[in-house]
């Protein structure tokens, strides 16, 4: 009985120590918040290389804001290794859509192709 309890605890600690697999909506919220707060290290961690370079380019054109930006997830659609997340921010009140792909088991925001439309 003692061995079973010890083995169970070891398995529990190992499973909790692995990388957390986030949902696309969580990743999209992290990306939007890091984009507006200009936290490039977090932005780079949650985007593909193409997505990151696009965000940094656009980010340099946005003026500094001292107000807190709130991100709200409006909708989410997952189709295999591709996901679409519709969000809204208090920055401009408009909604936007992120395309996410699963890369090495983690969801990352990437670029939409020209004329590529999501489900919303």
PDB file of N, CA and C in Angstrom:
ATOM      1  N   UNK A   1       0.824  -1.191   0.000  1.00  0.00           N
ATOM      2  CA  UNK A   1       0.000   0.000   0.000  1.00  0.00           C
ATOM      3  C   UNK A   1       0.876   1.265   0.000  1.00  0.00           C
ATOM      4  N   UNK A   2       1.934   1.216   0.782  1.00  0.00           N
ATOM      5  CA  UNK A   2       2.840   2.353   0.873  1.00  0.00           C
ATOM      6  C   UNK A   2       3.500   2.634  -0.479  1.00  0.00           C
ATOM      7  N   UNK A   3       3.864   1.584  -1.200  1.00  0.00           N
ATOM      8  CA  UNK A   3       4.511   1.736  -2.504  1.00  0.00           C
ATOM      9  C   UNK A   3       3.553   2.355  -3.520  1.00  0.00           C
ATOM     10  N   UNK A   4       2.298   1.977  -3.444  1.00  0.00           N
ATOM     11  CA  UNK A   4       1.302   2.519  -4.377  1.00  0.00           C
ATOM     12  C   UNK A   4       1.148   4.023  -4.150  1.00  0.00           C
ATOM     13  N   UNK A   5       1.079   4.440  -2.897  1.00  0.00           N
ATOM     14  CA  UNK A   5       0.938   5.857  -2.582  1.00  0.00           C
ATOM     15  C   UNK A   5       2.161   6.633  -3.068  1.00  0.00           C
ATOM     16  N   UNK A   6       3.340   6.107  -2.830  1.00  0.00           N
ATOM     17  CA  UNK A   6       4.571   6.780  -3.260  1.00  0.00           C
ATOM     18  C   UNK A   6       4.632   6.880  -4.782  1.00  0.00           C
ATOM     19  N   UNK A   7       4.302   5.770  -5.464  1.00  0.00           N
ATOM     20  CA  UNK A   7       4.298   5.801  -6.938  1.00  0.00           C
ATOM     21  C   UNK A   7       3.277   6.792  -7.466  1.00  0.00           C
ATOM     22  N   UNK A   8       2.110   6.857  -6.838  1.00  0.00           N
ATOM     23  CA  UNK A   8       1.070   7.801  -7.261  1.00  0.00           C
ATOM     24  C   UNK A   8       1.540   9.242  -7.103  1.00  0.00           C
ATOM     25  N   UNK A   9       2.209   9.541  -6.005  1.00  0.00           N
ATOM     26  CA  UNK A   9       2.717  10.888  -5.790  1.00  0.00           C
ATOM     27  C   UNK A   9       3.799  11.259  -6.797  1.00  0.00           C
ATOM     28  N   UNK A  10       4.674  10.305  -7.105  1.00  0.00           N
ATOM     29  CA  UNK A  10       5.726  10.554  -8.092  1.00  0.00           C
ATOM     30  C   UNK A  10       5.109  10.849  -9.453  1.00  0.00           C
ATOM     31  N   UNK A  11       4.124  10.056  -9.854  1.00  0.00           N
ATOM     32  CA  UNK A  11       3.445  10.274 -11.140  1.00  0.00           C
ATOM     33  C   UNK A  11       2.739  11.624 -11.143  1.00  0.00           C
ATOM     34  N   UNK A  12       2.114  11.984 -10.037  1.00  0.00           N
ATOM     35  CA  UNK A  12       1.430  13.269  -9.940  1.00  0.00           C
ATOM     36  C   UNK A  12       2.411  14.430 -10.110  1.00  0.00           C
ATOM     37  N   UNK A  13       3.548  14.374  -9.429  1.00  0.00           N
ATOM     38  CA  UNK A  13       4.540  15.446  -9.552  1.00  0.00           C
ATOM     39  C   UNK A  13       5.126  15.532 -10.953  1.00  0.00           C
ATOM     40  N   UNK A  14       5.366  14.406 -11.569  1.00  0.00           N
ATOM     41  CA  UNK A  14       5.911  14.408 -12.931  1.00  0.00           C
ATOM     42  C   UNK A  14       4.909  15.002 -13.904  1.00  0.00           C
ATOM     43  N   UNK A  15       3.641  14.630 -13.782  1.00  0.00           N
ATOM     44  CA  UNK A  15       2.632  15.149 -14.713  1.00  0.00           C
ATOM     45  C   UNK A  15       2.399  16.634 -14.510  1.00  0.00           C
ATOM     46  N   UNK A  16       2.519  17.121 -13.285  1.00  0.00           N
ATOM     47  CA  UNK A  16       2.325  18.546 -13.025  1.00  0.00           C
ATOM     48  C   UNK A  16       3.526  19.381 -13.451  1.00  0.00           C
ATOM     49  N   UNK A  17       4.687  18.777 -13.548  1.00  0.00           N
ATOM     50  CA  UNK A  17       5.887  19.537 -13.901  1.00  0.00           C
ATOM     51  C   UNK A  17       6.068  19.712 -15.398  1.00  0.00           C
ATOM     52  N   UNK A  18       5.319  19.000 -16.211  1.00  0.00           N
ATOM     53  CA  UNK A  18       5.443  19.126 -17.662  1.00  0.00           C
ATOM     54  C   UNK A  18       4.880  20.460 -18.116  1.00  0.00           C
ATOM     55  N   UNK A  19       5.204  20.837 -19.354  1.00  0.00           N
ATOM     56  CA  UNK A  19       4.693  22.091 -19.906  1.00  0.00           C
ATOM     57  C   UNK A  19       3.185  22.079 -19.932  1.00  0.00           C
ATOM     58  N   UNK A  20       2.614  23.190 -19.546  1.00  0.00           N
ATOM     59  CA  UNK A  20       1.165  23.320 -19.557  1.00  0.00           C
ATOM     60  C   UNK A  20       0.699  23.498 -20.996  1.00  0.00           C
ATOM     61  N   UNK A  21      -0.256  22.704 -21.395  1.00  0.00           N
ATOM     62  CA  UNK A  21      -0.805  22.789 -22.741  1.00  0.00           C
ATOM     63  C   UNK A  21      -1.987  23.746 -22.699  1.00  0.00           C
ATOM     64  N   UNK A  22      -1.827  24.935 -23.249  1.00  0.00           N
ATOM     65  CA  UNK A  22      -2.859  25.946 -23.176  1.00  0.00           C
ATOM     66  C   UNK A  22      -3.852  25.800 -24.315  1.00  0.00           C
ATOM     67  N   UNK A  23      -5.012  26.386 -24.115  1.00  0.00           N
ATOM     68  CA  UNK A  23      -6.031  26.431 -25.151  1.00  0.00           C
ATOM     69  C   UNK A  23      -5.713  27.592 -26.090  1.00  0.00           C
ATOM     70  N   UNK A  24      -6.214  27.540 -27.311  1.00  0.00           N
ATOM     71  CA  UNK A  24      -5.955  28.644 -28.249  1.00  0.00           C
ATOM     72  C   UNK A  24      -6.427  29.996 -27.716  1.00  0.00           C
ATOM     73  N   UNK A  25      -7.567  30.025 -27.041  1.00  0.00           N
ATOM     74  CA  UNK A  25      -8.077  31.303 -26.522  1.00  0.00           C
ATOM     75  C   UNK A  25      -7.147  31.888 -25.457  1.00  0.00           C
ATOM     76  N   UNK A  26      -6.543  31.030 -24.625  1.00  0.00           N
ATOM     77  CA  UNK A  26      -5.592  31.512 -23.625  1.00  0.00           C
ATOM     78  C   UNK A  26      -4.350  32.087 -24.290  1.00  0.00           C
ATOM     79  N   UNK A  27      -3.863  31.393 -25.310  1.00  0.00           N
ATOM     80  CA  UNK A  27      -2.692  31.878 -26.041  1.00  0.00           C
ATOM     81  C   UNK A  27      -2.995  33.205 -26.733  1.00  0.00           C
ATOM     82  N   UNK A  28      -4.169  33.316 -27.346  1.00  0.00           N
ATOM     83  CA  UNK A  28      -4.547  34.557 -28.031  1.00  0.00           C
ATOM     84  C   UNK A  28      -4.610  35.722 -27.050  1.00  0.00           C
ATOM     85  N   UNK A  29      -5.136  35.482 -25.865  1.00  0.00           N
ATOM     86  CA  UNK A  29      -5.224  36.542 -24.864  1.00  0.00           C
ATOM     87  C   UNK A  29      -3.824  36.976 -24.411  1.00  0.00           C
ATOM     88  N   UNK A  30      -2.941  36.014 -24.210  1.00  0.00           N
ATOM     89  CA  UNK A  30      -1.556  36.321 -23.822  1.00  0.00           C
ATOM     90  C   UNK A  30      -0.871  37.148 -24.904  1.00  0.00           C
ATOM     91  N   UNK A  31      -1.077  36.775 -26.169  1.00  0.00           N
ATOM     92  CA  UNK A  31      -0.447  37.497 -27.287  1.00  0.00           C
ATOM     93  C   UNK A  31      -0.980  38.917 -27.376  1.00  0.00           C
ATOM     94  N   UNK A  32      -2.281  39.087 -27.280  1.00  0.00           N
ATOM     95  CA  UNK A  32      -2.863  40.433 -27.374  1.00  0.00           C
ATOM     96  C   UNK A  32      -2.368  41.318 -26.227  1.00  0.00           C
ATOM     97  N   UNK A  33      -2.346  40.774 -25.016  1.00  0.00           N
ATOM     98  CA  UNK A  33      -1.881  41.560 -23.871  1.00  0.00           C
ATOM     99  C   UNK A  33      -0.400  41.914 -23.997  1.00  0.00           C
ATOM    100  N   UNK A  34       0.417  40.959 -24.431  1.00  0.00           N
ATOM    101  CA  UNK A  34       1.847  41.248 -24.574  1.00  0.00           C
ATOM    102  C   UNK A  34       2.108  42.203 -25.735  1.00  0.00           C
ATOM    103  N   UNK A  35       1.268  42.159 -26.754  1.00  0.00           N
ATOM    104  CA  UNK A  35       1.409  43.081 -27.880  1.00  0.00           C
ATOM    105  C   UNK A  35       1.216  44.525 -27.419  1.00  0.00           C
ATOM    106  N   UNK A  36       0.130  44.778 -26.684  1.00  0.00           N
ATOM    107  CA  UNK A  36      -0.161  46.147 -26.263  1.00  0.00           C
ATOM    108  C   UNK A  36       0.746  46.618 -25.134  1.00  0.00           C
ATOM    109  N   UNK A  37       1.250  45.698 -24.318  1.00  0.00           N
ATOM    110  CA  UNK A  37       2.182  46.101 -23.262  1.00  0.00           C
ATOM    111  C   UNK A  37       3.623  46.126 -23.769  1.00  0.00           C
ATOM    112  N   UNK A  38       3.804  45.734 -25.025  1.00  0.00           N
ATOM    113  CA  UNK A  38       5.109  45.707 -25.703  1.00  0.00           C
ATOM    114  C   UNK A  38       6.118  44.803 -24.983  1.00  0.00           C
ATOM    115  N   UNK A  39       5.632  43.651 -24.544  1.00  0.00           N
ATOM    116  CA  UNK A  39       6.472  42.635 -23.905  1.00  0.00           C
ATOM    117  C   UNK A  39       6.899  41.643 -24.991  1.00  0.00           C
ATOM    118  N   UNK A  40       8.021  41.933 -25.637  1.00  0.00           N
ATOM    119  CA  UNK A  40       8.443  41.155 -26.799  1.00  0.00           C
ATOM    120  C   UNK A  40       8.872  39.732 -26.461  1.00  0.00           C
ATOM    121  N   UNK A  41       9.377  39.487 -25.266  1.00  0.00           N
ATOM    122  CA  UNK A  41       9.792  38.120 -24.922  1.00  0.00           C
ATOM    123  C   UNK A  41       8.582  37.191 -24.811  1.00  0.00           C
ATOM    124  N   UNK A  42       7.504  37.668 -24.212  1.00  0.00           N
ATOM    125  CA  UNK A  42       6.278  36.866 -24.121  1.00  0.00           C
ATOM    126  C   UNK A  42       5.655  36.726 -25.504  1.00  0.00           C
ATOM    127  N   UNK A  43       5.654  37.794 -26.264  1.00  0.00           N
ATOM    128  CA  UNK A  43       5.106  37.769 -27.616  1.00  0.00           C
ATOM    129  C   UNK A  43       5.824  36.736 -28.474  1.00  0.00           C
ATOM    130  N   UNK A  44       7.131  36.707 -28.397  1.00  0.00           N
ATOM    131  CA  UNK A  44       7.927  35.769 -29.199  1.00  0.00           C
ATOM    132  C   UNK A  44       7.664  34.321 -28.796  1.00  0.00           C
ATOM    133  N   UNK A  45       7.441  34.091 -27.509  1.00  0.00           N
ATOM    134  CA  UNK A  45       7.213  32.737 -26.997  1.00  0.00           C
ATOM    135  C   UNK A  45       5.901  32.141 -27.498  1.00  0.00           C
ATOM    136  N   UNK A  46       4.897  32.989 -27.772  1.00  0.00           N
ATOM    137  CA  UNK A  46       3.557  32.513 -28.119  1.00  0.00           C
ATOM    138  C   UNK A  46       3.167  32.765 -29.575  1.00  0.00           C
ATOM    139  N   UNK A  47       4.148  33.094 -30.417  1.00  0.00           N
ATOM    140  CA  UNK A  47       3.869  33.305 -31.836  1.00  0.00           C
ATOM    141  C   UNK A  47       4.860  32.505 -32.677  1.00  0.00           C
ATOM    142  N   UNK A  48       4.486  32.286 -33.930  1.00  0.00           N
ATOM    143  CA  UNK A  48       5.427  31.675 -34.871  1.00  0.00           C
ATOM    144  C   UNK A  48       6.433  32.753 -35.269  1.00  0.00           C
ATOM    145  N   UNK A  49       7.492  32.377 -35.951  1.00  0.00           N
ATOM    146  CA  UNK A  49       8.498  33.370 -36.345  1.00  0.00           C
ATOM    147  C   UNK A  49       7.911  34.406 -37.302  1.00  0.00           C
ATOM    148  N   UNK A  50       7.029  33.962 -38.219  1.00  0.00           N
ATOM    149  CA  UNK A  50       6.388  34.909 -39.146  1.00  0.00           C
ATOM    150  C   UNK A  50       5.439  35.834 -38.393  1.00  0.00           C
ATOM    151  N   UNK A  51       4.687  35.265 -37.468  1.00  0.00           N
ATOM    152  CA  UNK A  51       3.754  36.065 -36.679  1.00  0.00           C
ATOM    153  C   UNK A  51       4.472  37.088 -35.823  1.00  0.00           C
ATOM    154  N   UNK A  52       5.582  36.668 -35.225  1.00  0.00           N
ATOM    155  CA  UNK A  52       6.348  37.571 -34.371  1.00  0.00           C
ATOM    156  C   UNK A  52       6.872  38.763 -35.156  1.00  0.00           C
ATOM    157  N   UNK A  53       7.445  38.516 -36.310  1.00  0.00           N
ATOM    158  CA  UNK A  53       8.000  39.633 -37.087  1.00  0.00           C
ATOM    159  C   UNK A  53       6.903  40.605 -37.526  1.00  0.00           C
ATOM    160  N   UNK A  54       5.725  40.095 -37.848  1.00  0.00           N
ATOM    161  CA  UNK A  54       4.608  40.979 -38.208  1.00  0.00           C
ATOM    162  C   UNK A  54       4.149  41.814 -37.020  1.00  0.00           C
ATOM    163  N   UNK A  55       4.043  41.174 -35.856  1.00  0.00           N
ATOM    164  CA  UNK A  55       3.612  41.900 -34.663  1.00  0.00           C
ATOM    165  C   UNK A  55       4.595  42.996 -34.283  1.00  0.00           C
ATOM    166  N   UNK A  56       5.885  42.704 -34.351  1.00  0.00           N
ATOM    167  CA  UNK A  56       6.892  43.690 -33.979  1.00  0.00           C
ATOM    168  C   UNK A  56       6.850  44.880 -34.936  1.00  0.00           C
ATOM    169  N   UNK A  57       6.631  44.612 -36.213  1.00  0.00           N
ATOM    170  CA  UNK A  57       6.542  45.697 -37.198  1.00  0.00           C
ATOM    171  C   UNK A  57       5.356  46.601 -36.899  1.00  0.00           C
ATOM    172  N   UNK A  58       4.203  46.011 -36.649  1.00  0.00           N
ATOM    173  CA  UNK A  58       3.000  46.801 -36.364  1.00  0.00           C
ATOM    174  C   UNK A  58       3.131  47.487 -35.008  1.00  0.00           C
ATOM    175  N   UNK A  59       3.708  46.790 -34.051  1.00  0.00           N
ATOM    176  CA  UNK A  59       3.858  47.311 -32.700  1.00  0.00           C
ATOM    177  C   UNK A  59       4.660  48.605 -32.671  1.00  0.00           C
ATOM    178  N   UNK A  60       5.634  48.713 -33.538  1.00  0.00           N
ATOM    179  CA  UNK A  60       6.454  49.929 -33.570  1.00  0.00           C
ATOM    180  C   UNK A  60       5.666  51.147 -34.054  1.00  0.00           C
ATOM    181  N   UNK A  61       4.545  50.930 -34.717  1.00  0.00           N
ATOM    182  CA  UNK A  61       3.723  52.031 -35.224  1.00  0.00           C
ATOM    183  C   UNK A  61       2.648  52.479 -34.241  1.00  0.00           C
ATOM    184  N   UNK A  62       2.435  51.713 -33.185  1.00  0.00           N
ATOM    185  CA  UNK A  62       1.382  52.032 -32.224  1.00  0.00           C
ATOM    186  C   UNK A  62       1.950  52.940 -31.136  1.00  0.00           C
ATOM    187  N   UNK A  63       1.256  54.034 -30.854  1.00  0.00           N
ATOM    188  CA  UNK A  63       1.763  54.945 -29.814  1.00  0.00           C
ATOM    189  C   UNK A  63       1.655  54.310 -28.420  1.00  0.00           C
ATOM    190  N   UNK A  64       2.526  54.758 -27.522  1.00  0.00           N
ATOM    191  CA  UNK A  64       2.504  54.281 -26.137  1.00  0.00           C
ATOM    192  C   UNK A  64       1.170  54.651 -25.502  1.00  0.00           C
ATOM    193  N   UNK A  65       0.671  53.756 -24.656  1.00  0.00           N
ATOM    194  CA  UNK A  65      -0.576  54.014 -23.942  1.00  0.00           C
ATOM    195  C   UNK A  65      -0.351  53.712 -22.469  1.00  0.00           C
ATOM    196  N   UNK A  66      -0.788  54.636 -21.614  1.00  0.00           N
ATOM    197  CA  UNK A  66      -0.608  54.417 -20.183  1.00  0.00           C
ATOM    198  C   UNK A  66      -1.825  53.757 -19.538  1.00  0.00           C
ATOM    199  N   UNK A  67      -2.877  53.548 -20.309  1.00  0.00           N
ATOM    200  CA  UNK A  67      -4.061  52.901 -19.737  1.00  0.00           C
ATOM    201  C   UNK A  67      -3.958  51.380 -19.892  1.00  0.00           C
ATOM    202  N   UNK A  68      -4.633  50.675 -19.002  1.00  0.00           N
ATOM    203  CA  UNK A  68      -4.644  49.217 -19.053  1.00  0.00           C
ATOM    204  C   UNK A  68      -5.543  48.746 -20.187  1.00  0.00           C
ATOM    205  N   UNK A  69      -5.028  47.854 -20.996  1.00  0.00           N
ATOM    206  CA  UNK A  69      -5.787  47.292 -22.112  1.00  0.00           C
ATOM    207  C   UNK A  69      -6.393  45.966 -21.649  1.00  0.00           C
ATOM    208  N   UNK A  70      -7.694  45.850 -21.787  1.00  0.00           N
ATOM    209  CA  UNK A  70      -8.394  44.626 -21.411  1.00  0.00           C
ATOM    210  C   UNK A  70      -8.728  43.862 -22.681  1.00  0.00           C
ATOM    211  N   UNK A  71      -8.426  42.558 -22.674  1.00  0.00           N
ATOM    212  CA  UNK A  71      -8.687  41.696 -23.825  1.00  0.00           C
ATOM    213  C   UNK A  71      -9.824  40.749 -23.468  1.00  0.00           C
ATOM    214  N   UNK A  72     -10.808  40.673 -24.363  1.00  0.00           N
ATOM    215  CA  UNK A  72     -11.948  39.778 -24.158  1.00  0.00           C
ATOM    216  C   UNK A  72     -12.022  38.805 -25.330  1.00  0.00           C
ATOM    217  N   UNK A  73     -12.113  37.522 -25.027  1.00  0.00           N
ATOM    218  CA  UNK A  73     -12.250  36.497 -26.063  1.00  0.00           C
ATOM    219  C   UNK A  73     -13.725  36.377 -26.408  1.00  0.00           C
ATOM    220  N   UNK A  74     -14.061  36.542 -27.686  1.00  0.00           N
ATOM    221  CA  UNK A  74     -15.446  36.515 -28.129  1.00  0.00           C
ATOM    222  C   UNK A  74     -15.870  35.158 -28.677  1.00  0.00           C
ATOM    223  N   UNK A  75     -14.976  34.480 -29.395  1.00  0.00           N
ATOM    224  CA  UNK A  75     -15.324  33.198 -30.007  1.00  0.00           C
ATOM    225  C   UNK A  75     -14.048  32.429 -30.322  1.00  0.00           C
ATOM    226  N   UNK A  76     -14.206  31.114 -30.480  1.00  0.00           N
ATOM    227  CA  UNK A  76     -13.063  30.258 -30.766  1.00  0.00           C
ATOM    228  C   UNK A  76     -13.542  29.078 -31.611  1.00  0.00           C
ATOM    229  N   UNK A  77     -12.756  28.719 -32.616  1.00  0.00           N
ATOM    230  CA  UNK A  77     -13.058  27.560 -33.451  1.00  0.00           C
ATOM    231  C   UNK A  77     -11.770  26.774 -33.671  1.00  0.00           C
ATOM    232  N   UNK A  78     -11.831  25.477 -33.406  1.00  0.00           N
ATOM    233  CA  UNK A  78     -10.649  24.617 -33.560  1.00  0.00           C
ATOM    234  C   UNK A  78     -10.950  23.571 -34.618  1.00  0.00           C
ATOM    235  N   UNK A  79     -10.015  23.425 -35.566  1.00  0.00           N
ATOM    236  CA  UNK A  79     -10.128  22.402 -36.606  1.00  0.00           C
ATOM    237  C   UNK A  79      -8.768  21.716 -36.723  1.00  0.00           C
ATOM    238  N   UNK A  80      -8.576  20.658 -35.957  1.00  0.00           N
ATOM    239  CA  UNK A  80      -7.302  19.943 -35.974  1.00  0.00           C
ATOM    240  C   UNK A  80      -6.195  20.774 -35.373  1.00  0.00           C
ATOM    241  N   UNK A  81      -5.160  21.052 -36.173  1.00  0.00           N
ATOM    242  CA  UNK A  81      -4.014  21.825 -35.706  1.00  0.00           C
ATOM    243  C   UNK A  81      -4.106  23.308 -36.063  1.00  0.00           C
ATOM    244  N   UNK A  82      -5.284  23.744 -36.485  1.00  0.00           N
ATOM    245  CA  UNK A  82      -5.501  25.161 -36.791  1.00  0.00           C
ATOM    246  C   UNK A  82      -6.682  25.648 -35.958  1.00  0.00           C
ATOM    247  N   UNK A  83      -6.544  26.841 -35.426  1.00  0.00           N
ATOM    248  CA  UNK A  83      -7.599  27.425 -34.614  1.00  0.00           C
ATOM    249  C   UNK A  83      -7.755  28.893 -34.974  1.00  0.00           C
ATOM    250  N   UNK A  84      -8.948  29.396 -34.768  1.00  0.00           N
ATOM    251  CA  UNK A  84      -9.244  30.808 -34.989  1.00  0.00           C
ATOM    252  C   UNK A  84      -9.855  31.349 -33.712  1.00  0.00           C
ATOM    253  N   UNK A  85      -9.391  32.506 -33.276  1.00  0.00           N
ATOM    254  CA  UNK A  85      -9.905  33.127 -32.061  1.00  0.00           C
ATOM    255  C   UNK A  85     -10.301  34.562 -32.374  1.00  0.00           C
ATOM    256  N   UNK A  86     -11.555  34.891 -32.066  1.00  0.00           N
ATOM    257  CA  UNK A  86     -12.045  36.256 -32.238  1.00  0.00           C
ATOM    258  C   UNK A  86     -11.959  36.951 -30.882  1.00  0.00           C
ATOM    259  N   UNK A  87     -11.387  38.143 -30.861  1.00  0.00           N
ATOM    260  CA  UNK A  87     -11.168  38.863 -29.614  1.00  0.00           C
ATOM    261  C   UNK A  87     -11.530  40.332 -29.776  1.00  0.00           C
ATOM    262  N   UNK A  88     -11.642  41.006 -28.658  1.00  0.00           N
ATOM    263  CA  UNK A  88     -11.890  42.435 -28.634  1.00  0.00           C
ATOM    264  C   UNK A  88     -11.004  43.041 -27.554  1.00  0.00           C
ATOM    265  N   UNK A  89     -10.556  44.272 -27.768  1.00  0.00           N
ATOM    266  CA  UNK A  89      -9.734  44.953 -26.765  1.00  0.00           C
ATOM    267  C   UNK A  89     -10.336  46.315 -26.455  1.00  0.00           C
ATOM    268  N   UNK A  90      -9.970  46.835 -25.307  1.00  0.00           N
ATOM    269  CA  UNK A  90     -10.420  48.178 -24.946  1.00  0.00           C
ATOM    270  C   UNK A  90      -9.552  49.252 -25.594  1.00  0.00           C
ATOM    271  N   UNK A  91      -8.519  48.845 -26.334  1.00  0.00           N
ATOM    272  CA  UNK A  91      -7.642  49.814 -26.994  1.00  0.00           C
ATOM    273  C   UNK A  91      -8.413  50.646 -28.006  1.00  0.00           C
ATOM    274  N   UNK A  92      -9.133  49.971 -28.887  1.00  0.00           N
ATOM    275  CA  UNK A  92      -9.907  50.688 -29.899  1.00  0.00           C
ATOM    276  C   UNK A  92     -11.353  50.214 -29.992  1.00  0.00           C
ATOM    277  N   UNK A  93     -11.727  49.221 -29.207  1.00  0.00           N
ATOM    278  CA  UNK A  93     -13.105  48.736 -29.195  1.00  0.00           C
ATOM    279  C   UNK A  93     -13.470  47.851 -30.363  1.00  0.00           C
ATOM    280  N   UNK A  94     -12.544  47.629 -31.277  1.00  0.00           N
ATOM    281  CA  UNK A  94     -12.823  46.796 -32.448  1.00  0.00           C
ATOM    282  C   UNK A  94     -12.435  45.352 -32.158  1.00  0.00           C
ATOM    283  N   UNK A  95     -13.074  44.438 -32.878  1.00  0.00           N
ATOM    284  CA  UNK A  95     -12.704  43.030 -32.718  1.00  0.00           C
ATOM    285  C   UNK A  95     -11.673  42.649 -33.771  1.00  0.00           C
ATOM    286  N   UNK A  96     -10.929  41.611 -33.474  1.00  0.00           N
ATOM    287  CA  UNK A  96      -9.930  41.094 -34.389  1.00  0.00           C
ATOM    288  C   UNK A  96      -9.958  39.579 -34.351  1.00  0.00           C
ATOM    289  N   UNK A  97      -9.241  38.960 -35.270  1.00  0.00           N
ATOM    290  CA  UNK A  97      -9.188  37.505 -35.343  1.00  0.00           C
ATOM    291  C   UNK A  97      -7.731  37.068 -35.444  1.00  0.00           C
ATOM    292  N   UNK A  98      -7.372  36.121 -34.598  1.00  0.00           N
ATOM    293  CA  UNK A  98      -6.050  35.506 -34.654  1.00  0.00           C
ATOM    294  C   UNK A  98      -6.180  34.118 -35.268  1.00  0.00           C
ATOM    295  N   UNK A  99      -5.206  33.757 -36.088  1.00  0.00           N
ATOM    296  CA  UNK A  99      -5.080  32.387 -36.571  1.00  0.00           C
ATOM    297  C   UNK A  99      -3.969  31.748 -35.748  1.00  0.00           C
ATOM    298  N   UNK A 100      -4.238  30.569 -35.209  1.00  0.00           N
ATOM    299  CA  UNK A 100      -3.246  29.862 -34.418  1.00  0.00           C
ATOM    300  C   UNK A 100      -2.974  28.504 -35.036  1.00  0.00           C
ATOM    301  N   UNK A 101      -1.740  28.073 -34.931  1.00  0.00           N
ATOM    302  CA  UNK A 101      -1.349  26.736 -35.381  1.00  0.00           C
ATOM    303  C   UNK A 101      -0.688  26.021 -34.211  1.00  0.00           C
ATOM    304  N   UNK A 102      -0.795  24.719 -34.226  1.00  0.00           N
ATOM    305  CA  UNK A 102      -0.153  23.934 -33.180  1.00  0.00           C
ATOM    306  C   UNK A 102       1.260  23.615 -33.635  1.00  0.00           C
ATOM    307  N   UNK A 103       2.236  24.061 -32.851  1.00  0.00           N
ATOM    308  CA  UNK A 103       3.646  23.895 -33.172  1.00  0.00           C
ATOM    309  C   UNK A 103       4.326  23.259 -31.957  1.00  0.00           C
ATOM    310  N   UNK A 104       4.856  22.058 -32.133  1.00  0.00           N
ATOM    311  CA  UNK A 104       5.493  21.318 -31.039  1.00  0.00           C
ATOM    312  C   UNK A 104       4.555  21.147 -29.843  1.00  0.00           C
ATOM    313  N   UNK A 105       3.286  20.900 -30.122  1.00  0.00           N
ATOM    314  CA  UNK A 105       2.310  20.662 -29.066  1.00  0.00           C
ATOM    315  C   UNK A 105       1.769  21.912 -28.402  1.00  0.00           C
ATOM    316  N   UNK A 106       2.202  23.091 -28.828  1.00  0.00           N
ATOM    317  CA  UNK A 106       1.750  24.352 -28.235  1.00  0.00           C
ATOM    318  C   UNK A 106       1.061  25.206 -29.295  1.00  0.00           C
ATOM    319  N   UNK A 107       0.007  25.907 -28.889  1.00  0.00           N
ATOM    320  CA  UNK A 107      -0.679  26.815 -29.803  1.00  0.00           C
ATOM    321  C   UNK A 107       0.123  28.094 -29.935  1.00  0.00           C
ATOM    322  N   UNK A 108       0.308  28.556 -31.180  1.00  0.00           N
ATOM    323  CA  UNK A 108       1.040  29.787 -31.453  1.00  0.00           C
ATOM    324  C   UNK A 108       0.278  30.606 -32.499  1.00  0.00           C
ATOM    325  N   UNK A 109       0.260  31.903 -32.283  1.00  0.00           N
ATOM    326  CA  UNK A 109      -0.405  32.811 -33.219  1.00  0.00           C
ATOM    327  C   UNK A 109       0.487  32.970 -34.438  1.00  0.00           C
ATOM    328  N   UNK A 110      -0.104  32.926 -35.611  1.00  0.00           N
ATOM    329  CA  UNK A 110       0.637  33.059 -36.861  1.00  0.00           C
ATOM    330  C   UNK A 110      -0.072  34.044 -37.781  1.00  0.00           C
ATOM    331  N   UNK A 111       0.478  34.252 -38.942  1.00  0.00           N
ATOM    332  CA  UNK A 111      -0.123  35.143 -39.939  1.00  0.00           C
ATOM    333  C   UNK A 111      -1.242  34.447 -40.693  1.00  0.00           C
ATOM    334  N   UNK A 112      -2.246  35.237 -41.052  1.00  0.00           N
ATOM    335  CA  UNK A 112      -3.262  34.736 -41.972  1.00  0.00           C
ATOM    336  C   UNK A 112      -2.727  34.962 -43.375  1.00  0.00           C
ATOM    337  N   UNK A 113      -3.014  34.028 -44.248  1.00  0.00           N
ATOM    338  CA  UNK A 113      -2.608  34.194 -45.632  1.00  0.00           C
ATOM    339  C   UNK A 113      -3.486  35.224 -46.325  1.00  0.00           C
ATOM    340  N   UNK A 114      -3.037  35.744 -47.466  1.00  0.00           N
ATOM    341  CA  UNK A 114      -3.866  36.697 -48.194  1.00  0.00           C
ATOM    342  C   UNK A 114      -5.169  36.011 -48.630  1.00  0.00           C
ATOM    343  N   UNK A 115      -6.244  36.691 -48.410  1.00  0.00           N
ATOM    344  CA  UNK A 115      -7.589  36.198 -48.758  1.00  0.00           C
ATOM    345  C   UNK A 115      -8.019  34.994 -47.930  1.00  0.00           C
ATOM    346  N   UNK A 116      -7.269  34.664 -46.907  1.00  0.00           N
ATOM    347  CA  UNK A 116      -7.645  33.548 -46.050  1.00  0.00           C
ATOM    348  C   UNK A 116      -8.677  34.045 -45.049  1.00  0.00           C
ATOM    349  N   UNK A 117      -9.790  33.343 -44.995  1.00  0.00           N
ATOM    350  CA  UNK A 117     -10.873  33.733 -44.097  1.00  0.00           C
ATOM    351  C   UNK A 117     -11.083  32.651 -43.051  1.00  0.00           C
ATOM    352  N   UNK A 118     -11.308  33.084 -41.861  1.00  0.00           N
ATOM    353  CA  UNK A 118     -11.607  32.155 -40.780  1.00  0.00           C
ATOM    354  C   UNK A 118     -13.104  31.869 -40.729  1.00  0.00           C
ATOM    355  N   UNK A 119     -13.539  31.168 -39.707  1.00  0.00           N
ATOM    356  CA  UNK A 119     -14.948  30.806 -39.600  1.00  0.00           C
ATOM    357  C   UNK A 119     -15.855  31.932 -39.124  1.00  0.00           C
ATOM    358  N   UNK A 120     -15.312  33.079 -38.723  1.00  0.00           N
ATOM    359  CA  UNK A 120     -16.181  34.170 -38.255  1.00  0.00           C
ATOM    360  C   UNK A 120     -16.170  35.303 -39.251  1.00  0.00           C
TER     361      UNK A 120
END
